[in-house]
Amino acid sequence: MSPFRSAGDSSRHARRLVRVDRSLPQKVGHPVRTVVVGGGIAGMTAALLLAERGVAVTLLERDERLGGRLSAWPKRLADGSTQMVGHGFHAFFRQYYNWRHVLRRIDPSLSFLRPAEHYPVVSRTWPEEDFGGLPGGPPWSLAALLARSPSLRLREMRDVDGPASVALLRYSRAQTYREFDSMSAAEYLDRLAMPERARALLFDVFAHSFFNHAAEMSAAEMIMQFHFYFLRNPEGLDFDAPEDDYQTAIWAPLSERLQALGADLRTGAGVDRIEPGWTVTLTGGEQITADHVVLATDPASARAVVAASSGLPPRLTSEMATVATTAPYAVSRFWTDRDVAAERAVFSGVAREPLLDSVSLFHRIERGSARWARRTGGAVVELHAYAADSQIDADTAAKEMWSQLAGIWPEAGWLRSVDSDSRVGYDAPAFDVGSDATRPGPVTDADGLLLAGDWVRMPIPCALMERSAASAAVAVNAILRRHGARPVQVFSVPTRGLLAGRRS
């Protein structure tokens, strides 16, 4: 039986945050040129939204492929076939309203996204626990989680710190960050005093999913993300996944649409520096002039470009110097000689293993992997470590994660790898304790320079792919307003917690 059903449409739950003056023209009425640096979600979102509004766009991507951490590329296996690989599995959660709004440009019904039926967290210590399929709409989703979760039994929750737990339900942008940004997520969880099983299966797995170690991550950031994913969206933890690799399903059709709008899309085009005016200098010396620049790269690349640029405001320079990259993540994909048990979910979180954080079964998601599995009788299994040791190497990570998989799925011990692809990534943003105070937002004090990405400070609750898309939409609106054009809509889950006061 297929692990997917129809994706449906969850956009009706989105909060619209921008008051759109429909008396304004939809398109910019005079020549405006913008350079977008970076071809991931943030860069593509910015480029598309601007090109649709009549802005001349040049999109520059340093790598030979688009997508950033969502990119995919071909690998030739030992059996002579070519398979697509990438940086790891991504869950397209239903409350990713802004990112889904972009994806509707290539598929208005989002039919290429197929919902995952289950979202289990597995452990060799405790029975598997499934966090998928919760009823939509808080507080009922929270009540259902408390009622059915064996890790949240009321008799075991008596020692939970009440004031600390209430902070999860009282989220507000100003108050939460004022009170908790100076505290680590680990310290907050210690103060919360959750039962060991609840902390391991829920909070520890959750914190690691954002590539940050709990001991270093801001408690405010974790509370915000808990608000965004668990407590305040009507979609719960349900998510979808593309039915084919990211290049085929997303980047190729988005590129075609962008180029059809007249944009100049260049890959293999690194940027060394930018100067007010604006002049963008590419690696090799070519220069491009523009009215605006949207810097939408990974955090380390954005920091390096700003550091190499002259004439930028001191405040922006100092803020960007604090933008950091977090722990590396490791991804290992194995093509095996046989399948895992039929009841295994497409995606599983993993609790309390030294390195392994999740398992994805790509032969039950993507068409290309499914064809390979049908032909060979094997499986395509991908293992992820979200926050690895800084000295980890790809081969060691692959061996350790494979060994740990056999500890939680006994049948994995009988699998033989016929090919593999392993890599370590260093491009995820850090949300360190106290970092919110200096984190720059999309609109900078350098007139005409905007920022976008999953590392940018945002006024609304959002994370990962959605933070990239939402920050790009905010940056685009700054440009459109500057030129008298109608802004694009920005969407959000409710911005305050269930128990937050109206003045929060």
Protein backbone atom coordinates (compact mmCIF):
# COMPACT_ATOMS: atom_id res chain seq x y z
CA MET A 1 0.00 0.00 0.00
CA SER A 2 1.25 3.50 -0.80
CA PRO A 3 2.34 5.56 2.24
CA PHE A 4 0.76 8.63 0.65
CA ARG A 5 -2.67 10.04 0.11
CA SER A 6 -3.90 13.28 -1.45
CA ALA A 7 -2.09 16.39 -0.22
CA GLY A 8 -5.11 18.64 0.06
CA ASP A 9 -4.98 22.37 0.67
CA SER A 10 -4.14 23.83 4.08
CA SER A 11 -3.58 27.45 2.98
CA ARG A 12 -7.03 28.45 4.21
CA HIS A 13 -5.63 28.45 7.77
CA ALA A 14 -2.91 31.03 7.02
CA ARG A 15 -2.96 34.45 8.66
CA ARG A 16 -2.50 37.27 6.16
CA LEU A 17 -0.12 39.82 7.63
CA VAL A 18 0.16 42.49 4.93
CA ARG A 19 -2.54 45.05 4.32
CA VAL A 20 -2.61 45.15 0.54
CA ASP A 21 -3.67 48.46 -0.99
CA ARG A 22 -5.28 47.35 -4.24
CA SER A 23 -5.27 50.90 -5.56
CA LEU A 24 -1.52 50.51 -6.05
CA PRO A 25 -0.33 49.08 -9.35
CA GLN A 26 0.53 45.41 -9.26
CA LYS A 27 3.70 45.93 -11.28
CA VAL A 28 6.54 48.41 -11.01
CA GLY A 29 5.92 51.05 -13.66
CA HIS A 30 9.50 52.04 -14.43
CA PRO A 31 12.83 50.22 -14.94
CA VAL A 32 14.18 48.66 -11.74
CA ARG A 33 17.02 46.16 -11.63
CA THR A 34 17.74 43.79 -8.75
CA VAL A 35 20.54 41.29 -8.26
CA VAL A 36 19.64 38.30 -6.10
CA VAL A 37 22.69 36.52 -4.67
CA GLY A 38 21.93 32.88 -3.88
CA GLY A 39 19.78 30.31 -5.66
CA GLY A 40 18.19 28.43 -2.78
CA ILE A 41 14.66 28.83 -1.45
CA ALA A 42 15.22 32.41 -0.30
CA GLY A 43 16.88 33.54 -3.51
CA MET A 44 14.42 31.82 -5.82
CA THR A 45 11.46 33.18 -3.85
CA ALA A 46 12.81 36.73 -4.03
CA ALA A 47 13.66 36.45 -7.72
CA LEU A 48 10.26 35.03 -8.70
CA LEU A 49 8.21 37.52 -6.70
CA LEU A 50 10.18 40.44 -8.09
CA ALA A 51 10.17 39.22 -11.70
CA GLU A 52 6.40 38.74 -11.54
CA ARG A 53 6.09 42.40 -10.54
CA GLY A 54 8.06 43.71 -13.49
CA VAL A 55 11.50 44.03 -11.86
CA ALA A 56 14.49 43.03 -14.00
CA VAL A 57 16.20 40.25 -12.01
CA THR A 58 19.62 38.68 -12.22
CA LEU A 59 19.94 35.59 -10.02
CA LEU A 60 23.50 34.51 -9.18
CA GLU A 61 24.22 31.09 -7.68
CA ARG A 62 27.77 30.10 -6.76
CA ASP A 63 27.25 26.36 -7.22
CA GLU A 64 26.53 24.61 -10.49
CA ARG A 65 23.03 23.71 -9.28
CA LEU A 66 20.18 25.54 -7.60
CA GLY A 67 18.60 24.68 -4.29
CA GLY A 68 21.12 25.14 -1.49
CA ARG A 69 20.35 22.51 1.16
CA LEU A 70 17.36 21.50 -1.01
CA SER A 71 19.47 20.79 -4.09
CA ALA A 72 19.80 17.42 -5.84
CA TRP A 73 22.35 16.05 -8.28
CA PRO A 74 23.03 12.82 -10.21
CA LYS A 75 25.26 10.00 -8.96
CA ARG A 76 26.30 7.04 -11.05
CA LEU A 77 26.04 3.80 -9.09
CA ALA A 78 28.20 0.71 -9.39
CA ASP A 79 25.40 -1.06 -11.29
CA GLY A 80 25.63 1.57 -14.04
CA SER A 81 22.37 3.38 -13.20
CA THR A 82 22.18 7.07 -12.38
CA GLN A 83 20.34 8.10 -9.22
CA MET A 84 19.62 11.54 -7.76
CA VAL A 85 20.99 12.39 -4.32
CA GLY A 86 20.86 15.50 -2.17
CA HIS A 87 21.56 17.00 1.23
CA GLY A 88 18.84 15.01 2.96
CA PHE A 89 15.13 14.61 3.42
CA HIS A 90 13.01 17.73 3.98
CA ALA A 91 9.52 17.71 5.48
CA PHE A 92 7.18 20.15 3.73
CA PHE A 93 5.01 20.97 6.74
CA ARG A 94 1.50 22.23 6.07
CA GLN A 95 2.12 25.56 7.83
CA TYR A 96 4.89 26.47 5.36
CA TYR A 97 2.38 28.88 3.83
CA ASN A 98 4.83 31.23 2.10
CA TRP A 99 6.96 28.46 0.60
CA ARG A 100 3.87 26.60 -0.59
CA HIS A 101 2.59 29.84 -2.11
CA VAL A 102 5.74 29.89 -4.25
CA LEU A 103 5.42 26.22 -5.15
CA ARG A 104 1.88 26.78 -6.41
CA ARG A 105 3.43 28.66 -9.31
CA ILE A 106 4.56 25.33 -10.75
CA ASP A 107 1.61 23.26 -9.51
CA PRO A 108 -1.46 25.19 -8.26
CA SER A 109 -2.88 22.11 -6.54
CA LEU A 110 0.50 20.97 -5.14
CA SER A 111 -0.28 17.52 -6.52
CA PHE A 112 3.44 16.67 -6.56
CA LEU A 113 3.45 16.77 -2.75
CA ARG A 114 2.22 13.59 -1.11
CA PRO A 115 1.37 13.45 2.61
CA ALA A 116 3.25 11.11 4.88
CA GLU A 117 0.86 8.99 6.91
CA HIS A 118 3.04 8.67 10.00
CA TYR A 119 5.68 10.59 11.91
CA PRO A 120 7.14 8.14 14.44
CA VAL A 121 10.03 8.71 16.80
CA VAL A 122 11.88 5.45 17.45
CA SER A 123 14.26 4.42 20.18
CA ARG A 124 15.97 1.27 21.38
CA THR A 125 14.93 2.26 24.94
CA TRP A 126 11.20 3.01 24.53
CA PRO A 127 8.44 1.83 22.17
CA GLU A 128 7.92 3.80 18.98
CA GLU A 129 5.75 6.91 19.36
CA ASP A 130 3.85 8.50 16.46
CA PHE A 131 3.34 12.28 16.39
CA GLY A 132 1.49 12.38 13.07
CA GLY A 133 -2.25 12.58 12.48
CA LEU A 134 -3.11 14.89 15.37
CA PRO A 135 -6.45 16.70 14.99
CA GLY A 136 -6.12 20.13 13.45
CA GLY A 137 -6.45 23.26 15.49
CA PRO A 138 -5.14 24.18 18.92
CA PRO A 139 -5.94 23.56 21.74
CA TRP A 140 -7.41 20.24 20.49
CA SER A 141 -4.16 19.12 18.92
CA LEU A 142 -2.36 19.66 22.24
CA ALA A 143 -5.12 17.87 24.15
CA ALA A 144 -4.93 14.93 21.74
CA LEU A 145 -1.15 14.76 22.11
CA LEU A 146 -1.45 14.70 25.90
CA ALA A 147 -4.21 12.08 25.75
CA ARG A 148 -2.52 9.59 23.44
CA SER A 149 1.21 10.07 24.09
CA PRO A 150 2.68 7.43 26.43
CA SER A 151 5.56 9.81 27.16
CA LEU A 152 3.19 12.49 28.51
CA ARG A 153 1.21 10.55 31.11
CA LEU A 154 -0.34 12.90 33.65
CA ARG A 155 0.93 10.92 36.62
CA GLU A 156 4.46 11.39 35.33
CA MET A 157 3.96 15.09 34.61
CA ARG A 158 3.35 16.15 38.22
CA ASP A 159 6.89 17.42 38.70
CA VAL A 160 6.93 19.54 35.53
CA ASP A 161 7.68 23.16 36.38
CA GLY A 162 4.43 25.09 35.86
CA PRO A 163 5.80 28.60 35.15
CA ALA A 164 8.40 27.20 32.75
CA SER A 165 5.82 25.13 30.87
CA VAL A 166 3.43 28.08 30.61
CA ALA A 167 6.11 29.92 28.64
CA LEU A 168 5.44 27.50 25.78
CA LEU A 169 1.82 28.66 25.68
CA ARG A 170 2.57 32.35 26.16
CA TYR A 171 4.81 32.87 23.19
CA SER A 172 5.12 36.44 21.93
CA ARG A 173 7.95 37.84 19.83
CA ALA A 174 8.98 40.58 22.25
CA GLN A 175 8.40 38.96 25.63
CA THR A 176 9.69 35.46 24.85
CA TYR A 177 12.98 36.67 23.41
CA ARG A 178 13.41 39.22 26.19
CA GLU A 179 13.01 36.52 28.85
CA PHE A 180 14.61 33.47 27.24
CA ASP A 181 17.14 34.45 24.58
CA SER A 182 19.86 34.67 27.24
CA MET A 183 19.13 31.07 28.32
CA SER A 184 20.14 27.89 26.50
CA ALA A 185 17.54 25.40 25.33
CA ALA A 186 19.20 22.76 27.51
CA GLU A 187 18.92 24.96 30.59
CA TYR A 188 15.27 25.65 29.82
CA LEU A 189 14.55 21.94 29.42
CA ASP A 190 16.33 21.25 32.73
CA ARG A 191 14.15 23.87 34.37
CA LEU A 192 11.06 22.42 32.70
CA ALA A 193 11.82 19.07 34.40
CA MET A 194 9.94 16.92 31.89
CA PRO A 195 9.99 13.15 32.41
CA GLU A 196 13.04 11.59 30.76
CA ARG A 197 11.04 9.84 28.05
CA ALA A 198 9.09 12.97 27.13
CA ARG A 199 12.24 15.04 26.93
CA ALA A 200 14.03 12.44 24.80
CA LEU A 201 11.24 11.66 22.35
CA LEU A 202 9.80 15.14 22.03
CA PHE A 203 12.12 17.98 22.99
CA ASP A 204 15.57 16.54 22.31
CA VAL A 205 14.56 15.19 18.90
CA PHE A 206 12.86 18.49 18.16
CA ALA A 207 15.86 20.66 19.10
CA HIS A 208 18.28 18.55 17.06
CA SER A 209 16.06 18.89 13.99
CA PHE A 210 17.24 22.50 13.70
CA PHE A 211 20.92 21.49 13.48
CA ASN A 212 21.71 23.13 16.83
CA HIS A 213 22.95 21.53 20.04
CA ALA A 214 20.53 22.22 22.90
CA ALA A 215 23.39 23.42 25.11
CA GLU A 216 24.20 26.20 22.62
CA MET A 217 20.78 27.02 21.17
CA SER A 218 18.70 29.93 22.44
CA ALA A 219 15.75 28.82 24.58
CA ALA A 220 13.69 31.59 23.00
CA GLU A 221 14.32 30.18 19.54
CA MET A 222 13.29 26.71 20.67
CA ILE A 223 10.11 28.04 22.31
CA MET A 224 9.28 29.91 19.09
CA GLN A 225 9.77 26.78 17.01
CA PHE A 226 7.67 24.73 19.42
CA HIS A 227 4.95 27.36 19.03
CA PHE A 228 5.27 27.22 15.24
CA TYR A 229 5.31 23.44 14.81
CA PHE A 230 3.28 22.09 17.74
CA LEU A 231 1.11 24.54 19.56
CA ARG A 232 -0.35 27.20 17.30
CA ASN A 233 -0.88 25.89 13.80
CA PRO A 234 -4.09 24.15 12.73
CA GLU A 235 -2.15 21.62 10.64
CA GLY A 236 -0.37 19.92 13.54
CA LEU A 237 2.73 17.94 12.61
CA ASP A 238 1.40 16.64 9.30
CA PHE A 239 3.79 17.09 6.42
CA ASP A 240 4.28 16.20 2.77
CA ALA A 241 7.19 15.20 0.56
CA PRO A 242 7.76 15.62 -3.19
CA GLU A 243 7.05 12.53 -5.28
CA ASP A 244 10.30 12.98 -7.18
CA ASP A 245 13.78 14.37 -6.53
CA TYR A 246 14.04 18.08 -5.77
CA GLN A 247 15.72 18.99 -9.06
CA THR A 248 12.98 17.35 -11.11
CA ALA A 249 10.03 18.32 -8.96
CA ILE A 250 11.03 21.85 -7.88
CA TRP A 251 14.13 23.51 -9.31
CA ALA A 252 13.75 22.69 -12.98
CA PRO A 253 10.15 23.99 -13.24
CA LEU A 254 10.85 27.02 -11.03
CA SER A 255 13.86 27.89 -13.20
CA GLU A 256 11.76 27.64 -16.34
CA ARG A 257 9.16 29.96 -14.87
CA LEU A 258 11.76 32.48 -13.75
CA GLN A 259 13.44 32.55 -17.15
CA ALA A 260 10.06 32.85 -18.89
CA LEU A 261 9.59 36.05 -16.89
CA GLY A 262 12.78 37.42 -18.44
CA ALA A 263 15.16 36.90 -15.53
CA ASP A 264 18.85 36.22 -16.06
CA LEU A 265 19.66 33.04 -14.11
CA ARG A 266 23.31 32.13 -13.71
CA THR A 267 24.84 29.17 -11.92
CA GLY A 268 28.55 28.85 -11.24
CA ALA A 269 28.51 32.59 -10.53
CA GLY A 270 30.09 33.35 -7.16
CA VAL A 271 29.97 36.85 -5.67
CA ASP A 272 33.02 38.35 -3.97
CA ARG A 273 31.69 41.71 -2.77
CA ILE A 274 29.01 44.36 -3.14
CA GLU A 275 29.27 48.13 -2.92
CA PRO A 276 26.56 50.74 -2.43
CA GLY A 277 25.35 52.09 -5.63
CA TRP A 278 24.88 49.07 -6.16
CA THR A 279 27.73 47.19 -7.80
CA VAL A 280 28.05 43.43 -7.46
CA THR A 281 31.51 42.01 -8.20
CA LEU A 282 31.62 38.36 -9.24
CA THR A 283 34.51 35.98 -8.74
CA GLY A 284 36.68 36.64 -11.78
CA GLY A 285 36.05 40.38 -11.83
CA GLU A 286 32.78 40.83 -13.75
CA GLN A 287 30.62 43.60 -12.29
CA ILE A 288 26.84 44.06 -12.40
CA THR A 289 25.08 47.27 -11.41
CA ALA A 290 21.63 47.30 -9.90
CA ASP A 291 19.16 49.40 -7.94
CA HIS A 292 18.82 46.74 -5.25
CA VAL A 293 20.63 43.66 -4.01
CA VAL A 294 19.03 40.76 -2.14
CA LEU A 295 21.70 38.76 -0.32
CA ALA A 296 20.14 35.30 0.05
CA THR A 297 23.03 32.89 0.54
CA ASP A 298 23.86 30.57 3.43
CA PRO A 299 24.99 32.40 6.60
CA ALA A 300 28.74 31.89 6.20
CA SER A 301 28.71 33.05 2.58
CA ALA A 302 26.61 36.12 3.41
CA ARG A 303 28.98 37.01 6.25
CA ALA A 304 32.00 36.64 3.95
CA VAL A 305 30.49 38.84 1.22
CA VAL A 306 29.67 41.62 3.68
CA ALA A 307 33.11 41.39 5.31
CA ALA A 308 34.77 41.78 1.89
CA SER A 309 32.59 44.76 0.89
CA SER A 310 33.39 48.41 1.49
CA GLY A 311 31.09 51.34 2.13
CA LEU A 312 28.45 49.41 4.07
CA PRO A 313 27.01 50.89 7.28
CA PRO A 314 28.99 49.92 10.40
CA ARG A 315 25.88 48.56 12.12
CA LEU A 316 25.20 46.11 9.29
CA THR A 317 28.85 45.05 9.18
CA SER A 318 28.93 44.39 12.91
CA GLU A 319 25.60 42.54 12.88
CA MET A 320 26.67 40.30 10.01
CA ALA A 321 29.91 39.49 11.80
CA THR A 322 27.83 37.78 14.50
CA VAL A 323 25.92 35.55 12.06
CA ALA A 324 27.28 32.08 12.70
CA THR A 325 27.08 28.57 11.29
CA THR A 326 26.07 25.77 13.64
CA ALA A 327 27.28 22.19 14.05
CA PRO A 328 27.79 20.17 10.86
CA TYR A 329 25.16 17.71 9.67
CA ALA A 330 25.91 14.34 8.08
CA VAL A 331 23.88 12.58 5.39
CA SER A 332 24.44 9.01 4.20
CA ARG A 333 22.32 7.33 1.53
CA PHE A 334 22.56 3.58 1.07
CA TRP A 335 21.33 1.45 -1.80
CA THR A 336 20.76 -1.99 -0.30
CA ASP A 337 20.24 -5.56 -1.51
CA ARG A 338 16.84 -5.95 0.20
CA ASP A 339 14.08 -3.89 1.79
CA VAL A 340 13.42 -3.01 5.41
CA ALA A 341 10.21 -4.14 7.14
CA ALA A 342 7.03 -3.14 5.33
CA GLU A 343 5.63 -1.29 8.35
CA ARG A 344 8.53 1.17 8.55
CA ALA A 345 7.47 4.78 8.00
CA VAL A 346 8.79 6.92 5.16
CA PHE A 347 10.38 9.20 7.74
CA SER A 348 11.30 8.36 11.34
CA GLY A 349 12.91 10.50 14.01
CA VAL A 350 15.42 8.74 16.25
CA ALA A 351 15.89 9.39 19.97
CA ARG A 352 18.97 8.97 22.13
CA GLU A 353 21.40 7.52 19.62
CA PRO A 354 24.94 8.95 19.72
CA LEU A 355 24.78 10.23 16.14
CA LEU A 356 21.73 9.03 14.19
CA ASP A 357 18.80 11.48 14.28
CA SER A 358 16.47 10.29 11.52
CA VAL A 359 15.87 7.69 8.82
CA SER A 360 14.23 8.28 5.43
CA LEU A 361 13.11 5.61 2.96
CA PHE A 362 13.45 7.26 -0.42
CA HIS A 363 12.26 4.23 -2.39
CA ARG A 364 8.87 4.86 -0.75
CA ILE A 365 8.90 8.57 -1.63
CA GLU A 366 10.58 9.35 -4.94
CA ARG A 367 9.87 7.86 -8.35
CA GLY A 368 13.49 7.38 -9.35
CA SER A 369 14.37 5.54 -6.16
CA ALA A 370 11.18 3.49 -6.39
CA ARG A 371 12.08 2.34 -9.91
CA TRP A 372 15.55 1.28 -8.73
CA ALA A 373 14.06 -0.64 -5.79
CA ARG A 374 11.52 -2.44 -8.00
CA ARG A 375 14.24 -3.45 -10.44
CA THR A 376 16.70 -4.71 -7.82
CA GLY A 377 14.50 -5.76 -4.90
CA GLY A 378 16.48 -3.43 -2.66
CA ALA A 379 15.85 -0.24 -0.71
CA VAL A 380 17.14 3.34 -0.70
CA VAL A 381 17.76 4.25 2.93
CA GLU A 382 19.02 7.67 4.01
CA LEU A 383 20.43 8.37 7.48
CA HIS A 384 20.85 11.83 8.98
CA ALA A 385 22.82 13.32 11.85
CA TYR A 386 21.52 16.85 12.39
CA ALA A 387 24.08 18.18 14.86
CA ALA A 388 27.28 16.18 14.60
CA ASP A 389 30.66 16.71 16.21
CA SER A 390 32.69 19.43 14.53
CA GLN A 391 35.45 16.95 13.59
CA ILE A 392 33.18 14.32 12.01
CA ASP A 393 34.08 12.98 8.58
CA ALA A 394 31.66 11.47 6.07
CA ASP A 395 32.98 7.89 6.17
CA THR A 396 32.97 7.70 9.96
CA ALA A 397 29.47 9.20 10.11
CA ALA A 398 28.20 6.64 7.60
CA LYS A 399 29.61 3.67 9.52
CA GLU A 400 28.37 4.89 12.90
CA MET A 401 24.86 5.74 11.69
CA TRP A 402 24.54 2.40 9.87
CA SER A 403 25.53 0.56 13.04
CA GLN A 404 23.04 2.55 15.11
CA LEU A 405 20.25 1.85 12.61
CA ALA A 406 20.67 -1.89 13.26
CA GLY A 407 20.17 -1.16 16.94
CA ILE A 408 16.69 0.29 16.41
CA TRP A 409 15.58 -1.70 13.33
CA PRO A 410 16.78 -5.29 13.79
CA GLU A 411 16.27 -6.20 10.12
CA ALA A 412 18.83 -3.55 9.13
CA GLY A 413 21.53 -5.88 10.42
CA TRP A 414 20.77 -8.21 7.52
CA LEU A 415 20.94 -5.54 4.83
CA ARG A 416 23.99 -5.30 2.59
CA SER A 417 24.92 -1.96 1.07
CA VAL A 418 25.54 -2.22 -2.68
CA ASP A 419 26.37 1.49 -3.02
CA SER A 420 26.39 4.61 -0.88
CA ASP A 421 26.80 8.36 -0.91
CA SER A 422 27.90 10.25 2.22
CA ARG A 423 28.66 13.87 2.91
CA VAL A 424 28.97 16.40 5.71
CA GLY A 425 27.43 19.88 5.46
CA TYR A 426 28.53 23.05 7.21
CA ASP A 427 25.98 25.59 6.04
CA ALA A 428 23.15 25.54 8.62
CA PRO A 429 22.59 28.66 10.76
CA ALA A 430 23.38 28.84 14.46
CA PHE A 431 20.83 30.28 16.87
CA ASP A 432 23.17 30.71 19.78
CA VAL A 433 22.22 32.03 23.19
CA GLY A 434 21.79 35.81 22.99
CA SER A 435 22.17 35.96 19.21
CA ASP A 436 18.74 37.44 18.50
CA ALA A 437 19.84 40.89 19.69
CA THR A 438 22.41 41.23 16.91
CA ARG A 439 20.78 39.09 14.20
CA PRO A 440 19.95 41.31 11.18
CA GLY A 441 16.47 41.35 9.69
CA PRO A 442 15.47 41.40 6.00
CA VAL A 443 15.57 45.21 5.75
CA THR A 444 18.97 46.71 6.50
CA ASP A 445 20.16 50.26 7.08
CA ALA A 446 22.08 50.03 3.80
CA ASP A 447 19.54 51.59 1.45
CA GLY A 448 18.77 49.05 -1.26
CA LEU A 449 20.42 46.02 0.36
CA LEU A 450 18.04 43.32 1.65
CA LEU A 451 18.70 39.99 3.37
CA ALA A 452 16.85 36.68 3.08
CA GLY A 453 17.44 33.19 4.40
CA ASP A 454 16.73 30.79 7.24
CA TRP A 455 19.27 32.69 9.39
CA VAL A 456 17.57 36.12 9.17
CA ARG A 457 15.78 37.62 12.19
CA MET A 458 12.03 37.49 11.61
CA PRO A 459 9.13 39.20 13.41
CA ILE A 460 6.84 36.20 12.86
CA PRO A 461 7.21 32.57 14.01
CA CYS A 462 8.81 30.52 11.22
CA ALA A 463 11.77 28.22 10.66
CA LEU A 464 13.83 26.32 8.08
CA MET A 465 12.33 26.40 4.55
CA GLU A 466 9.49 28.67 5.64
CA ARG A 467 11.86 31.18 7.21
CA SER A 468 13.75 31.36 3.94
CA ALA A 469 10.61 32.02 1.91
CA ALA A 470 9.01 34.41 4.42
CA SER A 471 12.16 36.53 4.80
CA ALA A 472 12.40 36.76 1.01
CA ALA A 473 8.79 37.97 0.79
CA VAL A 474 9.50 40.68 3.39
CA ALA A 475 12.61 41.76 1.45
CA VAL A 476 10.62 41.89 -1.79
CA ASN A 477 7.97 44.08 -0.18
CA ALA A 478 10.60 46.61 0.83
CA ILE A 479 11.57 46.94 -2.82
CA LEU A 480 8.00 47.08 -4.11
CA ARG A 481 6.99 49.75 -1.60
CA ARG A 482 10.03 51.79 -2.57
CA HIS A 483 8.75 51.87 -6.15
CA GLY A 484 5.06 52.37 -5.43
CA ALA A 485 3.91 48.86 -6.31
CA ARG A 486 1.46 46.64 -4.46
CA PRO A 487 3.18 44.40 -1.88
CA VAL A 488 2.95 40.63 -1.90
CA GLN A 489 1.05 38.93 0.88
CA VAL A 490 3.01 37.43 3.77
CA PHE A 491 1.42 34.54 5.65
CA SER A 492 1.87 33.23 9.18
CA VAL A 493 0.50 30.96 11.85
CA PRO A 494 -1.02 32.93 14.78
CA THR A 495 1.76 35.12 16.09
CA ARG A 496 0.91 34.77 19.80
CA GLY A 497 0.53 31.76 22.05
CA LEU A 498 -2.77 30.48 23.39
CA LEU A 499 -2.17 32.15 26.76
CA ALA A 500 -0.39 35.27 25.54
CA GLY A 501 -2.06 38.55 26.41
CA ARG A 502 -3.26 40.82 23.65
CA ARG A 503 -0.56 43.37 24.43
CA SER A 504 2.22 40.76 24.07
